[in-house]
Protein backbone atom coordinates (compact mmCIF):
# COMPACT_ATOMS: atom_id res chain seq x y z
CA MET A 1 -28.12 -6.21 -27.21
CA ILE A 2 -27.58 -2.72 -25.81
CA ASN A 3 -23.92 -1.69 -25.64
CA LEU A 4 -23.12 0.91 -23.01
CA GLU A 5 -19.76 2.30 -24.09
CA ALA A 6 -17.17 3.62 -21.67
CA PRO A 7 -15.43 6.91 -22.52
CA LYS A 8 -12.63 6.42 -25.07
CA LYS A 9 -10.14 8.22 -22.82
CA ALA A 10 -10.62 5.45 -20.21
CA GLY A 11 -9.67 2.74 -22.69
CA ALA A 12 -6.05 2.38 -21.56
CA LEU A 13 -7.04 2.21 -17.89
CA ILE A 14 -9.74 -0.39 -18.55
CA ASN A 15 -7.31 -2.50 -20.56
CA GLN A 16 -4.64 -2.34 -17.83
CA ALA A 17 -7.15 -3.29 -15.14
CA TYR A 18 -8.49 -6.14 -17.27
CA GLN A 19 -4.99 -7.49 -17.91
CA ALA A 20 -4.22 -7.41 -14.19
CA ALA A 21 -7.49 -9.19 -13.44
CA ALA A 22 -6.99 -11.83 -16.13
CA GLU A 23 -3.29 -12.50 -15.60
CA VAL A 24 -2.96 -12.13 -11.82
CA PHE A 25 -6.32 -12.15 -10.03
CA ARG A 26 -8.02 -15.00 -11.87
CA PRO A 27 -5.08 -17.46 -11.62
CA ILE A 28 -4.78 -17.01 -7.83
CA SER A 29 -8.49 -16.54 -7.09
CA ARG A 30 -9.13 -20.10 -5.94
CA LYS A 31 -5.80 -20.23 -4.09
CA TYR A 32 -6.63 -17.40 -1.69
CA ASP A 33 -10.26 -18.40 -1.38
CA ARG A 34 -8.96 -21.62 0.17
CA ALA A 35 -6.08 -19.98 2.07
CA GLU A 36 -8.21 -17.57 4.08
CA HIS A 37 -6.29 -15.02 6.20
CA THR A 38 -3.16 -15.42 4.08
CA TYR A 39 -2.03 -12.11 2.61
CA PRO A 40 -1.79 -12.26 -1.21
CA ALA A 41 1.80 -11.10 -1.69
CA GLU A 42 1.27 -10.93 -5.45
CA LEU A 43 -0.74 -7.74 -4.92
CA ASP A 44 2.14 -5.55 -3.78
CA MET A 45 3.33 -4.70 -7.30
CA PHE A 46 -0.17 -3.71 -8.41
CA ALA A 47 -0.64 -1.45 -5.40
CA ALA A 48 2.32 0.61 -6.62
CA LEU A 49 0.73 0.82 -10.09
CA LEU A 50 -2.57 2.07 -8.67
CA ASP A 51 -0.75 4.63 -6.55
CA GLY A 52 0.63 6.12 -9.74
CA LEU A 53 -2.74 6.13 -11.47
CA ASN A 54 -4.49 7.79 -8.53
CA SER A 55 -1.77 10.41 -8.01
CA SER A 56 -2.03 11.37 -11.66
CA GLY A 57 -5.61 12.48 -11.04
CA GLU A 58 -7.01 10.06 -13.58
CA GLY A 59 -8.01 7.44 -11.03
CA GLY A 60 -7.32 3.75 -10.79
CA ALA A 61 -9.20 0.76 -9.50
CA GLY A 62 -9.09 1.61 -5.84
CA ALA A 63 -10.64 4.19 -3.54
CA ALA A 64 -10.92 7.85 -4.40
CA GLY A 65 -12.82 10.68 -2.77
CA VAL A 66 -15.81 12.68 -3.92
CA ARG A 67 -14.55 16.25 -3.54
CA ARG A 68 -16.72 19.17 -4.58
CA SER A 69 -15.15 22.11 -6.34
CA LYS A 70 -15.04 25.41 -4.47
CA ASP A 71 -15.37 27.21 -7.79
CA GLU A 72 -19.11 27.36 -8.39
CA LYS A 73 -18.48 28.77 -11.87
CA GLU A 74 -16.75 25.59 -13.00
CA LYS A 75 -18.52 24.25 -16.05
CA GLY A 76 -18.11 21.48 -18.58
CA ASN A 77 -18.82 17.81 -18.98
CA ARG A 78 -16.08 15.76 -17.34
CA ASN A 79 -15.29 12.07 -17.32
CA GLY A 80 -12.76 12.09 -14.51
CA ALA A 81 -11.28 10.20 -11.60
CA ASN A 82 -14.51 8.90 -10.06
CA LEU A 83 -15.73 7.36 -13.31
CA ASN A 84 -12.28 5.90 -13.97
CA VAL A 85 -12.19 4.34 -10.51
CA VAL A 86 -15.57 2.71 -11.13
CA LEU A 87 -14.54 1.41 -14.56
CA GLY A 88 -11.26 0.05 -13.20
CA THR A 89 -13.01 -1.56 -10.25
CA ILE A 90 -15.44 -3.38 -12.55
CA GLU A 91 -12.54 -4.93 -14.45
CA MET A 92 -10.58 -5.89 -11.34
CA CYS A 93 -13.62 -7.48 -9.70
CA TRP A 94 -14.25 -9.43 -12.88
CA GLY A 95 -11.01 -11.04 -11.75
CA ASP A 96 -11.68 -11.32 -8.01
CA VAL A 97 -13.48 -8.96 -5.64
CA GLY A 98 -11.79 -10.31 -2.50
CA LEU A 99 -8.36 -9.65 -3.96
CA LEU A 100 -9.30 -6.10 -4.90
CA LEU A 101 -10.44 -5.49 -1.32
CA SER A 102 -7.01 -6.72 -0.22
CA MET A 103 -5.08 -4.17 -2.31
CA PRO A 104 -2.75 -2.03 -0.15
CA ARG A 105 -3.66 1.67 0.09
CA GLN A 106 -6.96 1.13 -1.72
CA GLY A 107 -9.18 0.65 1.35
CA LEU A 108 -12.64 2.08 1.94
CA GLY A 109 -11.11 4.34 4.56
CA ASN A 110 -9.09 5.96 1.78
CA ALA A 111 -12.38 6.98 0.17
CA ALA A 112 -13.43 8.57 3.46
CA ILE A 113 -10.18 10.52 3.66
CA GLY A 114 -10.49 11.56 0.03
CA SER A 115 -14.07 12.75 0.54
CA VAL A 116 -13.98 14.81 3.74
CA ALA A 117 -10.34 15.47 4.69
CA THR A 118 -8.85 18.94 4.51
CA ASP A 119 -6.11 19.63 1.97
CA GLU A 120 -3.52 19.40 4.74
CA GLN A 121 -4.88 16.03 5.88
CA LEU A 122 -4.92 14.70 2.32
CA LYS A 123 -1.23 15.45 2.05
CA ARG A 124 -0.41 14.08 5.51
CA PHE A 125 -2.27 10.80 5.01
CA SER A 126 -1.07 10.28 1.45
CA GLY A 127 0.22 6.73 0.98
CA LEU A 128 -1.65 5.42 4.01
CA TRP A 129 -3.72 2.23 3.68
CA ALA A 130 -6.92 2.99 5.59
CA ALA A 131 -9.82 0.71 6.51
CA MET A 132 -13.18 2.12 7.61
CA ALA A 133 -14.84 1.21 10.91
CA ILE A 134 -18.53 2.07 11.31
CA THR A 135 -20.58 -0.97 12.36
CA GLU A 136 -20.78 -1.90 16.05
CA PRO A 137 -22.16 -4.90 17.97
CA GLY A 138 -25.28 -2.88 18.83
CA PHE A 139 -26.13 -1.59 15.35
CA GLY A 140 -25.58 -2.23 11.68
CA SER A 141 -27.44 -0.21 9.07
CA ASP A 142 -28.36 2.79 11.22
CA SER A 143 -25.13 4.79 11.03
CA ALA A 144 -26.60 7.43 13.35
CA ALA A 145 -26.63 4.90 16.22
CA VAL A 146 -22.86 5.10 16.77
CA THR A 147 -21.97 4.59 20.44
CA THR A 148 -18.16 4.75 20.14
CA THR A 149 -17.14 8.00 21.85
CA ALA A 150 -14.40 10.56 21.23
CA ARG A 151 -13.67 12.92 24.14
CA LEU A 152 -11.40 15.92 23.68
CA ASP A 153 -8.53 15.97 26.20
CA GLY A 154 -6.02 18.71 25.56
CA ASP A 155 -4.60 18.26 22.07
CA ASP A 156 -5.96 14.73 21.71
CA TYR A 157 -9.23 12.85 21.45
CA ILE A 158 -9.71 9.77 23.61
CA ILE A 159 -11.69 7.10 21.76
CA ASN A 160 -13.59 4.26 23.43
CA GLY A 161 -15.71 1.63 21.70
CA GLU A 162 -15.79 -1.53 19.59
CA LYS A 163 -16.18 -1.96 15.83
CA ILE A 164 -17.07 -5.11 13.92
CA PHE A 165 -16.99 -6.26 10.27
CA VAL A 166 -14.07 -3.97 9.41
CA THR A 167 -12.76 -4.78 5.93
CA SER A 168 -8.92 -4.87 5.94
CA GLY A 169 -9.09 -4.12 9.66
CA GLU A 170 -6.05 -6.28 10.42
CA ARG A 171 -3.86 -5.51 7.40
CA ALA A 172 -4.43 -1.79 6.89
CA ASP A 173 -2.04 0.86 8.24
CA ALA A 174 -4.86 2.85 9.83
CA VAL A 175 -8.60 2.85 10.39
CA VAL A 176 -11.11 5.65 9.84
CA VAL A 177 -13.29 5.34 12.95
CA TRP A 178 -16.76 6.84 13.31
CA ALA A 179 -17.31 8.16 16.85
CA THR A 180 -19.58 10.66 18.57
CA LEU A 181 -18.31 13.79 20.28
CA ASP A 182 -21.52 14.22 22.29
CA LYS A 183 -24.30 11.60 22.46
CA THR A 184 -26.83 14.21 23.56
CA LYS A 185 -26.49 16.08 20.24
CA GLY A 186 -27.42 13.13 18.05
CA ARG A 187 -26.04 12.42 14.61
CA ALA A 188 -24.57 15.92 14.17
CA ALA A 189 -21.89 15.00 16.71
CA ILE A 190 -20.68 11.96 14.76
CA LYS A 191 -17.23 12.51 13.29
CA SER A 192 -14.59 10.33 11.66
CA PHE A 193 -11.04 9.93 12.98
CA VAL A 194 -7.91 8.44 11.45
CA VAL A 195 -6.43 6.03 13.99
CA GLU A 196 -3.10 4.56 12.97
CA LYS A 197 -1.97 1.04 13.84
CA GLY A 198 0.25 0.85 16.88
CA THR A 199 -1.65 3.59 18.70
CA PRO A 200 -1.91 2.57 22.40
CA GLY A 201 -5.42 1.39 23.23
CA PHE A 202 -6.12 0.18 19.66
CA GLU A 203 -6.49 -3.61 19.48
CA VAL A 204 -7.41 -6.07 16.72
CA VAL A 205 -9.56 -8.52 18.68
CA ARG A 206 -10.03 -11.18 16.00
CA VAL A 207 -10.29 -11.84 12.28
CA GLU A 208 -13.53 -13.43 11.07
CA HIS A 209 -14.02 -16.63 9.05
CA LYS A 210 -16.35 -15.90 6.13
CA LEU A 211 -18.44 -17.51 3.41
CA GLY A 212 -17.26 -15.16 0.63
CA ILE A 213 -14.50 -12.63 -0.18
CA ARG A 214 -12.21 -14.92 1.81
CA ALA A 215 -9.04 -13.35 0.38
CA SER A 216 -9.97 -10.16 2.24
CA ASP A 217 -9.61 -9.90 6.02
CA THR A 218 -12.59 -8.79 8.12
CA ALA A 219 -11.75 -7.81 11.69
CA VAL A 220 -13.20 -6.87 15.07
CA LEU A 221 -11.48 -3.82 16.59
CA ARG A 222 -11.50 -2.44 20.11
CA PHE A 223 -10.57 1.06 21.28
CA GLU A 224 -9.90 1.49 24.99
CA ASN A 225 -8.79 4.97 26.07
CA CYS A 226 -7.14 5.27 22.66
CA ARG A 227 -5.47 8.67 22.42
CA VAL A 228 -5.54 10.20 18.91
CA PRO A 229 -4.16 13.64 17.88
CA ALA A 230 -6.93 16.22 17.42
CA GLU A 231 -5.70 16.93 13.89
CA ASN A 232 -6.68 13.36 12.95
CA LEU A 233 -10.35 14.31 13.06
CA LEU A 234 -11.39 14.47 9.40
CA GLY A 235 -12.97 17.76 8.42
CA THR A 236 -14.18 20.10 11.14
CA ALA A 237 -14.83 19.47 14.83
CA GLU A 238 -17.80 21.87 14.77
CA ILE A 239 -21.12 20.25 15.71
CA ASP A 240 -23.68 21.74 13.34
CA THR A 241 -27.10 20.39 14.28
CA ALA A 242 -28.64 22.02 11.21
CA LYS A 243 -26.29 20.18 8.88
CA GLY A 244 -26.47 16.89 10.76
CA PHE A 245 -23.73 14.45 9.90
CA ALA A 246 -23.74 15.19 6.19
CA GLY A 247 -19.96 15.51 6.26
CA VAL A 248 -19.19 11.94 7.25
CA MET A 249 -22.14 10.65 5.22
CA GLN A 250 -20.59 12.23 2.11
CA THR A 251 -18.18 9.30 2.20
CA PHE A 252 -20.99 7.04 1.03
CA ASP A 253 -21.52 9.17 -2.08
CA ASN A 254 -18.24 7.64 -3.22
CA THR A 255 -18.11 4.20 -1.65
CA ARG A 256 -21.61 3.14 -2.72
CA PRO A 257 -20.87 3.51 -6.45
CA LEU A 258 -17.58 1.77 -5.75
CA VAL A 259 -19.33 -1.23 -4.18
CA ALA A 260 -21.88 -1.18 -7.01
CA ALA A 261 -18.95 -1.41 -9.43
CA MET A 262 -17.63 -4.42 -7.50
CA ALA A 263 -21.02 -6.08 -7.89
CA ILE A 264 -21.09 -5.35 -11.62
CA GLY A 265 -17.66 -6.91 -12.08
CA VAL A 266 -18.72 -10.13 -10.33
CA ALA A 267 -22.02 -10.21 -12.23
CA ARG A 268 -20.25 -9.82 -15.58
CA ALA A 269 -17.84 -12.61 -14.72
CA ALA A 270 -20.73 -14.93 -13.88
CA LEU A 271 -22.63 -14.04 -17.06
CA GLU A 272 -19.61 -14.57 -19.30
CA GLU A 273 -18.84 -17.96 -17.77
CA THR A 274 -22.49 -19.01 -18.01
CA ARG A 275 -22.64 -17.97 -21.64
CA ARG A 276 -19.58 -20.11 -22.35
CA ILE A 277 -21.06 -23.16 -20.64
CA LEU A 278 -24.46 -22.76 -22.28
CA THR A 279 -22.88 -22.32 -25.72
CA GLU A 280 -20.81 -25.48 -25.28
CA ALA A 281 -24.02 -27.29 -24.30
CA GLY A 282 -25.66 -26.19 -27.56
CA VAL A 283 -27.96 -23.51 -26.13
CA VAL A 284 -28.32 -20.62 -28.60
CA ILE A 285 -28.84 -17.12 -27.22
CA ASP A 286 -30.51 -15.10 -29.99
CA TYR A 287 -30.87 -11.32 -29.55
CA ASP A 288 -33.08 -11.04 -32.63
CA ARG A 289 -35.87 -13.24 -31.26
CA PRO A 290 -38.27 -12.69 -28.34
CA ALA A 291 -37.01 -14.41 -25.21
CA HIS A 292 -40.18 -16.48 -24.75
CA THR A 293 -39.60 -18.19 -28.12
CA GLN A 294 -36.16 -19.45 -27.14
CA HIS A 295 -34.71 -22.19 -24.96
CA ALA A 296 -35.68 -21.60 -21.31
CA ALA A 297 -32.01 -21.21 -20.30
CA ALA A 298 -31.47 -18.64 -23.07
CA ALA A 299 -34.56 -16.69 -22.01
CA GLU A 300 -33.37 -16.58 -18.40
CA PHE A 301 -29.88 -15.53 -19.50
CA LEU A 302 -31.34 -12.62 -21.48
CA ARG A 303 -33.29 -11.48 -18.41
CA LEU A 304 -30.18 -11.59 -16.25
CA GLU A 305 -28.15 -9.71 -18.81
CA ALA A 306 -30.76 -6.93 -19.04
CA ASP A 307 -30.67 -6.64 -15.25
CA TYR A 308 -26.89 -6.33 -15.41
CA GLU A 309 -27.03 -3.59 -18.05
CA SER A 310 -29.40 -1.43 -16.01
CA ALA A 311 -27.22 -1.71 -12.89
CA TYR A 312 -24.14 -0.84 -14.97
CA LEU A 313 -25.75 2.32 -16.35
CA LEU A 314 -26.92 3.51 -12.93
CA THR A 315 -23.41 3.04 -11.54
CA LEU A 316 -21.75 4.99 -14.33
CA GLU A 317 -24.28 7.78 -13.85
CA SER A 318 -23.56 8.12 -10.13
CA ALA A 319 -19.79 8.29 -10.74
CA TRP A 320 -20.19 10.75 -13.63
CA MET A 321 -22.25 13.03 -11.40
CA ALA A 322 -19.47 13.08 -8.80
CA ASP A 323 -16.95 14.03 -11.49
CA ASN A 324 -19.20 16.87 -12.60
CA ARG A 325 -19.72 18.23 -9.07
CA LYS A 326 -23.38 17.25 -8.95
CA PRO A 327 -25.01 15.93 -5.72
CA ASN A 328 -25.22 12.19 -6.27
CA SER A 329 -26.54 10.74 -3.00
CA LEU A 330 -29.78 9.56 -4.62
CA GLN A 331 -28.02 8.06 -7.62
CA ALA A 332 -25.34 6.46 -5.44
CA SER A 333 -28.01 4.69 -3.39
CA MET A 334 -29.94 3.68 -6.50
CA ALA A 335 -26.80 2.20 -8.05
CA LYS A 336 -25.86 0.35 -4.86
CA ALA A 337 -29.40 -1.02 -4.39
CA LYS A 338 -29.76 -2.18 -7.98
CA ALA A 339 -26.27 -3.64 -8.41
CA GLY A 340 -26.28 -5.33 -5.00
CA ARG A 341 -29.60 -7.03 -5.60
CA SER A 342 -28.77 -7.90 -9.21
CA VAL A 343 -25.41 -9.52 -8.53
CA VAL A 344 -26.93 -11.90 -5.98
CA ASP A 345 -29.75 -12.87 -8.34
CA ILE A 346 -27.40 -13.21 -11.32
CA ALA A 347 -24.74 -15.26 -9.52
CA LEU A 348 -27.25 -17.68 -7.98
CA LYS A 349 -29.22 -18.06 -11.22
CA CYS A 350 -26.01 -18.73 -13.14
CA VAL A 351 -25.21 -21.57 -10.74
CA GLU A 352 -28.73 -22.93 -11.32
CA LEU A 353 -28.42 -22.68 -15.10
CA THR A 354 -25.07 -24.45 -15.25
CA GLY A 355 -25.70 -27.13 -12.63
CA ALA A 356 -22.67 -29.27 -11.81
CA TYR A 357 -20.51 -27.27 -14.23
CA GLY A 358 -20.60 -24.43 -11.75
CA GLU A 359 -18.38 -26.40 -9.37
CA GLU A 360 -15.70 -26.88 -12.02
CA SER A 361 -15.42 -23.13 -12.64
CA LEU A 362 -15.44 -20.14 -10.29
CA LEU A 363 -19.23 -19.75 -10.50
CA GLU A 364 -19.89 -21.18 -7.05
CA LYS A 365 -17.24 -18.90 -5.57
CA TRP A 366 -18.78 -15.85 -7.21
CA ALA A 367 -22.15 -16.85 -5.77
CA ARG A 368 -20.56 -16.84 -2.30
CA ASP A 369 -18.77 -13.53 -2.92
CA ALA A 370 -21.90 -11.83 -4.24
CA LYS A 371 -23.98 -11.64 -1.06
CA ILE A 372 -21.77 -9.24 0.86
CA LEU A 373 -22.02 -6.74 -2.02
CA ASP A 374 -25.72 -6.36 -1.25
CA ILE A 375 -25.00 -5.81 2.45
CA PHE A 376 -21.94 -3.69 3.22
CA GLU A 377 -21.88 0.09 2.64
CA GLY A 378 -25.61 0.07 3.42
CA THR A 379 -27.96 -2.88 3.04
CA GLN A 380 -30.52 -3.31 0.27
CA GLN A 381 -33.28 -2.22 2.63
CA ILE A 382 -31.42 0.92 3.73
CA GLN A 383 -30.73 1.93 0.12
CA GLN A 384 -34.41 1.59 -0.74
CA LEU A 385 -35.30 3.70 2.29
CA ILE A 386 -32.84 6.42 1.26
CA VAL A 387 -34.17 6.42 -2.31
CA ALA A 388 -37.75 6.69 -1.03
CA ARG A 389 -36.84 9.63 1.22
CA ARG A 390 -35.11 11.46 -1.63
CA VAL A 391 -37.87 10.85 -4.15
CA LEU A 392 -40.70 11.75 -1.74
CA GLY A 393 -38.87 14.64 -0.10
CA LYS A 394 -39.11 13.11 3.39
CA THR A 395 -36.65 13.40 6.26
CA SER A 396 -35.33 10.43 8.21
CA ALA A 397 -37.73 11.34 11.02
CA GLN A 398 -40.70 11.39 8.67
CA LEU A 399 -39.93 8.13 6.87
CA LYS A 400 -38.36 5.34 8.92
């Protein structure tokens, strides 16, 4: 078996995240899966802990931004906040991915703020729990197809549009909304805005009923003449057609490894439970023998575990690159594509291998939770398209 070791300096963080997952998340996992739309009050104390970890600069198990250093002479091999966030996320999602997505102030919108906000905005929005609103009724994977508009009016922007499938859209303090400043200028005009709850014209239309991650709320939001201060536009208001919308897309350089880490946590949980059940049934998994010479269930388990290991390594690589100020868009998409596809295959195969035992454990729940991890933050198909463009050197216009 190949052991991919985490940095020793992350040991304390990993242990803390594992203890939280084992002692809090796992015991209440089934409870909040059944009690959909009920806020898990047990999470409040852990949100405060993660705040401390993130403010220290070492990272926790929530959302952090990919920020490039302005000092081009900066050198050295760093294992920093981004890698720590990924490692912590894996442990927490070993406990329950829906509960992690419900953690206050650890929303995907926080990653957007951390990635593209100015220093002043980072300070101003510190402590805010932010969701991220991209998808609309008329589009899903094509982020450039945003139709929600933001029109400058004096010192404010007026936002109009509707967003769907917003994770933590009801519970979060604010939402990072993608909107276009000028539809005629294409994707370069797409910007992200922090819209706080209670802003007139901002309405939570409904909260969805879901198959998986039921502890987390997923909302439909509507913006009708919603007036937002101009300083809530993240980054710059300049429309640079040469640059496109690379600024807002930089958010995905962080959130895709984060979602990949969620998938790895769920996959590991499923593998560990399956190993336990198979061992109790007398199935021996032997790493010193070729898979085809072993019990069919053992051979399949070995295949699934190898798939898991490759996804794990890709995810660590993409986070390490962010820590070391290296462009990681290709690696982030590779990690997301591999982990998202693997977790679905692993979770479903584990249910098949264990049969009725899967209903007595959390295996069937993990199989339901797994699918969304291959969809949100860019579907499997979109990730493969991005990887192909990067590898072949094609633009989005050249390879669709």
